[in-house]
PDB file of all heavy atoms in Angstrom:
ATOM      1  N   ILE A   1     150.859 170.720 -16.719  1.00  0.00           N
ATOM      2  CA  ILE A   1     151.597 171.980 -16.590  1.00  0.00           C
ATOM      3  C   ILE A   1     152.064 172.454 -17.962  1.00  0.00           C
ATOM      4  O   ILE A   1     151.772 173.585 -18.367  1.00  0.00           O
ATOM      5  CB  ILE A   1     152.792 171.802 -15.630  1.00  0.00           C
ATOM      6  CG1 ILE A   1     152.298 171.396 -14.242  1.00  0.00           C
ATOM      7  CG2 ILE A   1     153.618 173.091 -15.551  1.00  0.00           C
ATOM      8  CD1 ILE A   1     153.410 171.087 -13.254  1.00  0.00           C
ATOM      9  N   TYR A   2     152.764 171.594 -18.675  1.00  0.00           N
ATOM     10  CA  TYR A   2     153.220 171.929 -20.022  1.00  0.00           C
ATOM     11  C   TYR A   2     152.353 171.184 -21.030  1.00  0.00           C
ATOM     12  O   TYR A   2     152.473 169.976 -21.197  1.00  0.00           O
ATOM     13  CB  TYR A   2     154.703 171.580 -20.202  1.00  0.00           C
ATOM     14  CG  TYR A   2     155.616 172.598 -19.558  1.00  0.00           C
ATOM     15  CD1 TYR A   2     156.000 172.460 -18.231  1.00  0.00           C
ATOM     16  CD2 TYR A   2     156.048 173.718 -20.264  1.00  0.00           C
ATOM     17  CE1 TYR A   2     156.812 173.415 -17.618  1.00  0.00           C
ATOM     18  CE2 TYR A   2     156.856 174.674 -19.660  1.00  0.00           C
ATOM     19  CZ  TYR A   2     157.230 174.520 -18.349  1.00  0.00           C
ATOM     20  OH  TYR A   2     158.017 175.470 -17.751  1.00  0.00           O
ATOM     21  N   ALA A   3     151.438 171.928 -21.645  1.00  0.00           N
ATOM     22  CA  ALA A   3     150.463 171.324 -22.547  1.00  0.00           C
ATOM     23  C   ALA A   3     151.150 170.582 -23.693  1.00  0.00           C
ATOM     24  O   ALA A   3     152.189 171.020 -24.202  1.00  0.00           O
ATOM     25  CB  ALA A   3     149.538 172.401 -23.103  1.00  0.00           C
ATOM     26  N   ALA A   4     150.553 169.468 -24.093  1.00  0.00           N
ATOM     27  CA  ALA A   4     151.095 168.666 -25.184  1.00  0.00           C
ATOM     28  C   ALA A   4     151.059 169.448 -26.497  1.00  0.00           C
ATOM     29  O   ALA A   4     150.180 170.289 -26.704  1.00  0.00           O
ATOM     30  CB  ALA A   4     150.289 167.375 -25.316  1.00  0.00           C
ATOM     31  N   PRO A   5     152.004 169.184 -27.396  1.00  0.00           N
ATOM     32  CA  PRO A   5     152.061 169.906 -28.680  1.00  0.00           C
ATOM     33  C   PRO A   5     150.757 169.846 -29.468  1.00  0.00           C
ATOM     34  O   PRO A   5     150.366 170.821 -30.118  1.00  0.00           O
ATOM     35  CB  PRO A   5     153.200 169.193 -29.426  1.00  0.00           C
ATOM     36  CG  PRO A   5     154.071 168.651 -28.344  1.00  0.00           C
ATOM     37  CD  PRO A   5     153.127 168.248 -27.240  1.00  0.00           C
ATOM     38  N   GLU A   6     150.064 168.704 -29.417  1.00  0.00           N
ATOM     39  CA  GLU A   6     148.824 168.597 -30.190  1.00  0.00           C
ATOM     40  C   GLU A   6     147.732 169.513 -29.633  1.00  0.00           C
ATOM     41  O   GLU A   6     146.860 169.969 -30.377  1.00  0.00           O
ATOM     42  CB  GLU A   6     148.329 167.150 -30.219  1.00  0.00           C
ATOM     43  CG  GLU A   6     148.089 166.505 -28.870  1.00  0.00           C
ATOM     44  CD  GLU A   6     149.309 165.768 -28.328  1.00  0.00           C
ATOM     45  OE1 GLU A   6     150.440 166.113 -28.725  1.00  0.00           O
ATOM     46  OE2 GLU A   6     149.107 164.836 -27.524  1.00  0.00           O
ATOM     47  N   ILE A   7     147.778 169.788 -28.339  1.00  0.00           N
ATOM     48  CA  ILE A   7     146.827 170.729 -27.748  1.00  0.00           C
ATOM     49  C   ILE A   7     147.175 172.150 -28.165  1.00  0.00           C
ATOM     50  O   ILE A   7     146.309 172.934 -28.572  1.00  0.00           O
ATOM     51  CB  ILE A   7     146.812 170.597 -26.213  1.00  0.00           C
ATOM     52  CG1 ILE A   7     146.156 169.280 -25.808  1.00  0.00           C
ATOM     53  CG2 ILE A   7     146.080 171.776 -25.570  1.00  0.00           C
ATOM     54  CD1 ILE A   7     146.160 169.017 -24.324  1.00  0.00           C
ATOM     55  N   LEU A   8     148.445 172.482 -28.070  1.00  0.00           N
ATOM     56  CA  LEU A   8     148.874 173.829 -28.453  1.00  0.00           C
ATOM     57  C   LEU A   8     148.619 174.090 -29.936  1.00  0.00           C
ATOM     58  O   LEU A   8     148.327 175.218 -30.330  1.00  0.00           O
ATOM     59  CB  LEU A   8     150.354 174.021 -28.126  1.00  0.00           C
ATOM     60  CG  LEU A   8     150.707 174.003 -26.629  1.00  0.00           C
ATOM     61  CD1 LEU A   8     152.206 174.152 -26.430  1.00  0.00           C
ATOM     62  CD2 LEU A   8     149.962 175.108 -25.888  1.00  0.00           C
ATOM     63  N   ALA A   9     148.700 173.037 -30.741  1.00  0.00           N
ATOM     64  CA  ALA A   9     148.472 173.205 -32.185  1.00  0.00           C
ATOM     65  C   ALA A   9     147.037 173.611 -32.486  1.00  0.00           C
ATOM     66  O   ALA A   9     146.761 174.248 -33.508  1.00  0.00           O
ATOM     67  CB  ALA A   9     148.814 171.907 -32.914  1.00  0.00           C
ATOM     68  N   LYS A  10     146.097 173.249 -31.589  1.00  0.00           N
ATOM     69  CA  LYS A  10     144.687 173.608 -31.781  1.00  0.00           C
ATOM     70  C   LYS A  10     144.292 174.839 -30.963  1.00  0.00           C
ATOM     71  O   LYS A  10     143.109 175.180 -30.910  1.00  0.00           O
ATOM     72  CB  LYS A  10     143.800 172.421 -31.388  1.00  0.00           C
ATOM     73  CG  LYS A  10     143.936 171.221 -32.293  1.00  0.00           C
ATOM     74  CD  LYS A  10     142.844 170.197 -32.030  1.00  0.00           C
ATOM     75  CE  LYS A  10     142.970 169.564 -30.669  1.00  0.00           C
ATOM     76  NZ  LYS A  10     141.938 168.512 -30.447  1.00  0.00           N
ATOM     77  N   SER A  11     145.261 175.476 -30.348  1.00  0.00           N
ATOM     78  CA  SER A  11     144.959 176.622 -29.498  1.00  0.00           C
ATOM     79  C   SER A  11     145.084 177.933 -30.265  1.00  0.00           C
ATOM     80  O   SER A  11     145.819 178.025 -31.252  1.00  0.00           O
ATOM     81  CB  SER A  11     145.902 176.638 -28.289  1.00  0.00           C
ATOM     82  OG  SER A  11     145.724 175.485 -27.497  1.00  0.00           O
ATOM     83  N   GLN A  12     144.379 178.936 -29.794  1.00  0.00           N
ATOM     84  CA  GLN A  12     144.387 180.255 -30.416  1.00  0.00           C
ATOM     85  C   GLN A  12     144.971 181.291 -29.454  1.00  0.00           C
ATOM     86  O   GLN A  12     144.826 181.164 -28.244  1.00  0.00           O
ATOM     87  CB  GLN A  12     142.960 180.672 -30.779  1.00  0.00           C
ATOM     88  CG  GLN A  12     142.200 179.678 -31.633  1.00  0.00           C
ATOM     89  CD  GLN A  12     140.759 180.114 -31.855  1.00  0.00           C
ATOM     90  OE1 GLN A  12     140.484 181.266 -32.220  1.00  0.00           O
ATOM     91  NE2 GLN A  12     139.822 179.208 -31.642  1.00  0.00           N
ATOM     92  N   PHE A  13     145.619 182.307 -30.023  1.00  0.00           N
ATOM     93  CA  PHE A  13     146.129 183.411 -29.212  1.00  0.00           C
ATOM     94  C   PHE A  13     145.042 184.479 -29.099  1.00  0.00           C
ATOM     95  O   PHE A  13     144.185 184.625 -29.977  1.00  0.00           O
ATOM     96  CB  PHE A  13     147.373 184.031 -29.839  1.00  0.00           C
ATOM     97  CG  PHE A  13     148.575 183.130 -29.851  1.00  0.00           C
ATOM     98  CD1 PHE A  13     149.642 183.390 -30.689  1.00  0.00           C
ATOM     99  CD2 PHE A  13     148.647 182.012 -29.019  1.00  0.00           C
ATOM    100  CE1 PHE A  13     150.758 182.574 -30.705  1.00  0.00           C
ATOM    101  CE2 PHE A  13     149.757 181.191 -29.026  1.00  0.00           C
ATOM    102  CZ  PHE A  13     150.813 181.463 -29.869  1.00  0.00           C
ATOM    103  N   GLN A  14     145.104 185.237 -28.038  1.00  0.00           N
ATOM    104  CA  GLN A  14     144.156 186.331 -27.847  1.00  0.00           C
ATOM    105  C   GLN A  14     144.553 187.531 -28.693  1.00  0.00           C
ATOM    106  O   GLN A  14     145.723 187.896 -28.766  1.00  0.00           O
ATOM    107  CB  GLN A  14     144.105 186.724 -26.371  1.00  0.00           C
ATOM    108  CG  GLN A  14     142.889 187.552 -25.998  1.00  0.00           C
ATOM    109  CD  GLN A  14     142.760 187.686 -24.492  1.00  0.00           C
ATOM    110  OE1 GLN A  14     143.663 188.166 -23.836  1.00  0.00           O
ATOM    111  NE2 GLN A  14     141.637 187.259 -23.945  1.00  0.00           N
ATOM    112  N   GLU A  15     143.570 188.140 -29.330  1.00  0.00           N
ATOM    113  CA  GLU A  15     143.789 189.324 -30.159  1.00  0.00           C
ATOM    114  C   GLU A  15     142.875 190.451 -29.684  1.00  0.00           C
ATOM    115  O   GLU A  15     141.891 190.211 -28.976  1.00  0.00           O
ATOM    116  CB  GLU A  15     143.496 189.001 -31.632  1.00  0.00           C
ATOM    117  CG  GLU A  15     144.385 187.907 -32.216  1.00  0.00           C
ATOM    118  CD  GLU A  15     143.959 187.497 -33.603  1.00  0.00           C
ATOM    119  OE1 GLU A  15     142.971 188.084 -34.123  1.00  0.00           O
ATOM    120  OE2 GLU A  15     144.583 186.584 -34.172  1.00  0.00           O
ATOM    121  N   GLU A  16     143.218 191.665 -30.079  1.00  0.00           N
ATOM    122  CA  GLU A  16     142.397 192.811 -29.681  1.00  0.00           C
ATOM    123  C   GLU A  16     141.042 192.743 -30.373  1.00  0.00           C
ATOM    124  O   GLU A  16     140.946 192.512 -31.586  1.00  0.00           O
ATOM    125  CB  GLU A  16     143.098 194.119 -30.037  1.00  0.00           C
ATOM    126  CG  GLU A  16     142.351 195.348 -29.556  1.00  0.00           C
ATOM    127  CD  GLU A  16     143.113 196.641 -29.788  1.00  0.00           C
ATOM    128  OE1 GLU A  16     144.291 196.572 -30.188  1.00  0.00           O
ATOM    129  OE2 GLU A  16     142.514 197.710 -29.591  1.00  0.00           O
ATOM    130  N   LEU A  17     139.989 192.932 -29.603  1.00  0.00           N
ATOM    131  CA  LEU A  17     138.633 192.919 -30.130  1.00  0.00           C
ATOM    132  C   LEU A  17     138.222 194.325 -30.547  1.00  0.00           C
ATOM    133  O   LEU A  17     138.766 195.314 -30.060  1.00  0.00           O
ATOM    134  CB  LEU A  17     137.665 192.397 -29.063  1.00  0.00           C
ATOM    135  CG  LEU A  17     137.955 191.006 -28.497  1.00  0.00           C
ATOM    136  CD1 LEU A  17     137.049 190.728 -27.305  1.00  0.00           C
ATOM    137  CD2 LEU A  17     137.766 189.937 -29.562  1.00  0.00           C
ATOM    138  N   THR A  18     137.233 194.405 -31.435  1.00  0.00           N
ATOM    139  CA  THR A  18     136.718 195.718 -31.797  1.00  0.00           C
ATOM    140  C   THR A  18     135.917 196.285 -30.622  1.00  0.00           C
ATOM    141  O   THR A  18     135.441 195.541 -29.756  1.00  0.00           O
ATOM    142  CB  THR A  18     135.800 195.636 -33.023  1.00  0.00           C
ATOM    143  OG1 THR A  18     134.640 194.860 -32.687  1.00  0.00           O
ATOM    144  CG2 THR A  18     136.517 194.989 -34.211  1.00  0.00           C
ATOM    145  N   VAL A  19     135.754 197.593 -30.614  1.00  0.00           N
ATOM    146  CA  VAL A  19     134.968 198.235 -29.559  1.00  0.00           C
ATOM    147  C   VAL A  19     133.548 197.699 -29.565  1.00  0.00           C
ATOM    148  O   VAL A  19     132.959 197.419 -28.505  1.00  0.00           O
ATOM    149  CB  VAL A  19     134.962 199.771 -29.746  1.00  0.00           C
ATOM    150  CG1 VAL A  19     134.002 200.427 -28.759  1.00  0.00           C
ATOM    151  CG2 VAL A  19     136.371 200.334 -29.568  1.00  0.00           C
ATOM    152  N   GLN A  20     132.994 197.513 -30.766  1.00  0.00           N
ATOM    153  CA  GLN A  20     131.629 197.012 -30.882  1.00  0.00           C
ATOM    154  C   GLN A  20     131.505 195.601 -30.317  1.00  0.00           C
ATOM    155  O   GLN A  20     130.511 195.249 -29.672  1.00  0.00           O
ATOM    156  CB  GLN A  20     131.185 197.030 -32.357  1.00  0.00           C
ATOM    157  CG  GLN A  20     131.007 198.413 -32.951  1.00  0.00           C
ATOM    158  CD  GLN A  20     132.335 199.088 -33.314  1.00  0.00           C
ATOM    159  OE1 GLN A  20     133.395 198.453 -33.311  1.00  0.00           O
ATOM    160  NE2 GLN A  20     132.252 200.376 -33.646  1.00  0.00           N
ATOM    161  N   SER A  21     132.527 194.775 -30.547  1.00  0.00           N
ATOM    162  CA  SER A  21     132.512 193.415 -30.038  1.00  0.00           C
ATOM    163  C   SER A  21     132.573 193.397 -28.514  1.00  0.00           C
ATOM    164  O   SER A  21     131.838 192.648 -27.856  1.00  0.00           O
ATOM    165  CB  SER A  21     133.689 192.621 -30.609  1.00  0.00           C
ATOM    166  OG  SER A  21     133.730 191.316 -30.083  1.00  0.00           O
ATOM    167  N   VAL A  22     133.440 194.222 -27.938  1.00  0.00           N
ATOM    168  CA  VAL A  22     133.541 194.296 -26.480  1.00  0.00           C
ATOM    169  C   VAL A  22     132.209 194.729 -25.880  1.00  0.00           C
ATOM    170  O   VAL A  22     131.735 194.159 -24.890  1.00  0.00           O
ATOM    171  CB  VAL A  22     134.662 195.268 -26.053  1.00  0.00           C
ATOM    172  CG1 VAL A  22     134.648 195.494 -24.539  1.00  0.00           C
ATOM    173  CG2 VAL A  22     136.027 194.722 -26.481  1.00  0.00           C
ATOM    174  N   GLN A  23     131.592 195.724 -26.486  1.00  0.00           N
ATOM    175  CA  GLN A  23     130.302 196.210 -25.987  1.00  0.00           C
ATOM    176  C   GLN A  23     129.234 195.130 -26.087  1.00  0.00           C
ATOM    177  O   GLN A  23     128.436 194.929 -25.152  1.00  0.00           O
ATOM    178  CB  GLN A  23     129.877 197.456 -26.769  1.00  0.00           C
ATOM    179  CG  GLN A  23     130.756 198.675 -26.494  1.00  0.00           C
ATOM    180  CD  GLN A  23     130.422 199.840 -27.407  1.00  0.00           C
ATOM    181  OE1 GLN A  23     129.814 199.678 -28.465  1.00  0.00           O
ATOM    182  NE2 GLN A  23     130.827 201.032 -26.995  1.00  0.00           N
ATOM    183  N   ALA A  24     129.216 194.411 -27.205  1.00  0.00           N
ATOM    184  CA  ALA A  24     128.224 193.348 -27.397  1.00  0.00           C
ATOM    185  C   ALA A  24     128.447 192.220 -26.387  1.00  0.00           C
ATOM    186  O   ALA A  24     127.497 191.690 -25.792  1.00  0.00           O
ATOM    187  CB  ALA A  24     128.303 192.806 -28.821  1.00  0.00           C
ATOM    188  N   ARG A  25     129.687 191.861 -26.174  1.00  0.00           N
ATOM    189  CA  ARG A  25     130.013 190.795 -25.224  1.00  0.00           C
ATOM    190  C   ARG A  25     129.604 191.190 -23.802  1.00  0.00           C
ATOM    191  O   ARG A  25     129.086 190.366 -23.041  1.00  0.00           O
ATOM    192  CB  ARG A  25     131.512 190.486 -25.289  1.00  0.00           C
ATOM    193  CG  ARG A  25     131.935 189.740 -26.567  1.00  0.00           C
ATOM    194  CD  ARG A  25     133.435 189.814 -26.778  1.00  0.00           C
ATOM    195  NE  ARG A  25     133.880 189.054 -27.935  1.00  0.00           N
ATOM    196  CZ  ARG A  25     134.623 187.944 -27.888  1.00  0.00           C
ATOM    197  NH1 ARG A  25     135.006 187.466 -26.711  1.00  0.00           N
ATOM    198  NH2 ARG A  25     134.982 187.312 -28.989  1.00  0.00           N
ATOM    199  N   ARG A  26     129.845 192.436 -23.442  1.00  0.00           N
ATOM    200  CA  ARG A  26     129.470 192.888 -22.100  1.00  0.00           C
ATOM    201  C   ARG A  26     127.956 192.927 -21.933  1.00  0.00           C
ATOM    202  O   ARG A  26     127.433 192.633 -20.846  1.00  0.00           O
ATOM    203  CB  ARG A  26     130.104 194.244 -21.808  1.00  0.00           C
ATOM    204  CG  ARG A  26     131.605 194.135 -21.532  1.00  0.00           C
ATOM    205  CD  ARG A  26     132.263 195.470 -21.294  1.00  0.00           C
ATOM    206  NE  ARG A  26     133.650 195.277 -20.873  1.00  0.00           N
ATOM    207  CZ  ARG A  26     134.596 196.209 -20.948  1.00  0.00           C
ATOM    208  NH1 ARG A  26     134.307 197.405 -21.427  1.00  0.00           N
ATOM    209  NH2 ARG A  26     135.820 195.945 -20.531  1.00  0.00           N
ATOM    210  N   ARG A  27     127.242 193.278 -22.997  1.00  0.00           N
ATOM    211  CA  ARG A  27     125.775 193.249 -22.926  1.00  0.00           C
ATOM    212  C   ARG A  27     125.290 191.823 -22.730  1.00  0.00           C
ATOM    213  O   ARG A  27     124.333 191.575 -21.972  1.00  0.00           O
ATOM    214  CB  ARG A  27     125.171 193.846 -24.200  1.00  0.00           C
ATOM    215  CG  ARG A  27     125.241 195.375 -24.272  1.00  0.00           C
ATOM    216  CD  ARG A  27     124.305 195.912 -25.344  1.00  0.00           C
ATOM    217  NE  ARG A  27     124.643 195.431 -26.663  1.00  0.00           N
ATOM    218  CZ  ARG A  27     125.486 196.050 -27.501  1.00  0.00           C
ATOM    219  NH1 ARG A  27     126.073 197.190 -27.125  1.00  0.00           N
ATOM    220  NH2 ARG A  27     125.742 195.556 -28.701  1.00  0.00           N
ATOM    221  N   ILE A  28     125.931 190.882 -23.400  1.00  0.00           N
ATOM    222  CA  ILE A  28     125.552 189.477 -23.255  1.00  0.00           C
ATOM    223  C   ILE A  28     125.785 189.004 -21.822  1.00  0.00           C
ATOM    224  O   ILE A  28     124.924 188.358 -21.212  1.00  0.00           O
ATOM    225  CB  ILE A  28     126.351 188.601 -24.252  1.00  0.00           C
ATOM    226  CG1 ILE A  28     125.828 188.835 -25.679  1.00  0.00           C
ATOM    227  CG2 ILE A  28     126.272 187.122 -23.876  1.00  0.00           C
ATOM    228  CD1 ILE A  28     126.651 188.164 -26.757  1.00  0.00           C
ATOM    229  N   ILE A  29     126.936 189.339 -21.271  1.00  0.00           N
ATOM    230  CA  ILE A  29     127.245 188.939 -19.893  1.00  0.00           C
ATOM    231  C   ILE A  29     126.249 189.549 -18.920  1.00  0.00           C
ATOM    232  O   ILE A  29     125.771 188.885 -17.992  1.00  0.00           O
ATOM    233  CB  ILE A  29     128.693 189.346 -19.535  1.00  0.00           C
ATOM    234  CG1 ILE A  29     129.683 188.478 -20.309  1.00  0.00           C
ATOM    235  CG2 ILE A  29     128.940 189.214 -18.034  1.00  0.00           C
ATOM    236  CD1 ILE A  29     131.121 188.922 -20.186  1.00  0.00           C
ATOM    237  N   SER A  30     125.895 190.817 -19.130  1.00  0.00           N
ATOM    238  CA  SER A  30     124.916 191.481 -18.282  1.00  0.00           C
ATOM    239  C   SER A  30     123.556 190.796 -18.392  1.00  0.00           C
ATOM    240  O   SER A  30     122.856 190.600 -17.392  1.00  0.00           O
ATOM    241  CB  SER A  30     124.795 192.958 -18.671  1.00  0.00           C
ATOM    242  OG  SER A  30     123.822 193.611 -17.902  1.00  0.00           O
ATOM    243  N   SER A  31     123.197 190.412 -19.597  1.00  0.00           N
ATOM    244  CA  SER A  31     121.917 189.722 -19.807  1.00  0.00           C
ATOM    245  C   SER A  31     121.891 188.374 -19.102  1.00  0.00           C
ATOM    246  O   SER A  31     120.904 188.011 -18.472  1.00  0.00           O
ATOM    247  CB  SER A  31     121.690 189.514 -21.316  1.00  0.00           C
ATOM    248  OG  SER A  31     120.544 188.740 -21.557  1.00  0.00           O
ATOM    249  N   LEU A  32     122.994 187.643 -19.168  1.00  0.00           N
ATOM    250  CA  LEU A  32     123.083 186.348 -18.486  1.00  0.00           C
ATOM    251  C   LEU A  32     122.930 186.526 -16.973  1.00  0.00           C
ATOM    252  O   LEU A  32     122.274 185.724 -16.302  1.00  0.00           O
ATOM    253  CB  LEU A  32     124.405 185.671 -18.811  1.00  0.00           C
ATOM    254  CG  LEU A  32     124.640 185.249 -20.265  1.00  0.00           C
ATOM    255  CD1 LEU A  32     126.057 184.736 -20.437  1.00  0.00           C
ATOM    256  CD2 LEU A  32     123.634 184.192 -20.690  1.00  0.00           C
ATOM    257  N   ALA A  33     123.567 187.573 -16.452  1.00  0.00           N
ATOM    258  CA  ALA A  33     123.478 187.840 -15.011  1.00  0.00           C
ATOM    259  C   ALA A  33     122.035 188.125 -14.599  1.00  0.00           C
ATOM    260  O   ALA A  33     121.583 187.645 -13.549  1.00  0.00           O
ATOM    261  CB  ALA A  33     124.381 189.014 -14.645  1.00  0.00           C
ATOM    262  N   LYS A  34     121.329 188.882 -15.428  1.00  0.00           N
ATOM    263  CA  LYS A  34     119.928 189.202 -15.108  1.00  0.00           C
ATOM    264  C   LYS A  34     119.062 187.945 -15.136  1.00  0.00           C
ATOM    265  O   LYS A  34     118.201 187.753 -14.271  1.00  0.00           O
ATOM    266  CB  LYS A  34     119.406 190.239 -16.084  1.00  0.00           C
ATOM    267  CG  LYS A  34     120.011 191.627 -15.909  1.00  0.00           C
ATOM    268  CD  LYS A  34     119.464 192.617 -16.935  1.00  0.00           C
ATOM    269  CE  LYS A  34     120.102 193.996 -16.752  1.00  0.00           C
ATOM    270  NZ  LYS A  34     119.639 194.943 -17.776  1.00  0.00           N
ATOM    271  N   ILE A  35     119.298 187.098 -16.127  1.00  0.00           N
ATOM    272  CA  ILE A  35     118.531 185.846 -16.222  1.00  0.00           C
ATOM    273  C   ILE A  35     118.829 184.972 -14.998  1.00  0.00           C
ATOM    274  O   ILE A  35     117.940 184.397 -14.374  1.00  0.00           O
ATOM    275  CB  ILE A  35     118.897 185.083 -17.505  1.00  0.00           C
ATOM    276  CG1 ILE A  35     118.456 185.895 -18.743  1.00  0.00           C
ATOM    277  CG2 ILE A  35     118.223 183.697 -17.517  1.00  0.00           C
ATOM    278  CD1 ILE A  35     118.953 185.298 -20.050  1.00  0.00           C
TER     279      ILE A  35
END
């Protein structure tokens, strides 16, 4: 439930992605679905 400090120390926070990155990621997900 409460992650250990050493786990949190290696964790990353979510940040806003660029529009191009979001579009590329969605194309990848769509491609995976088709495969």
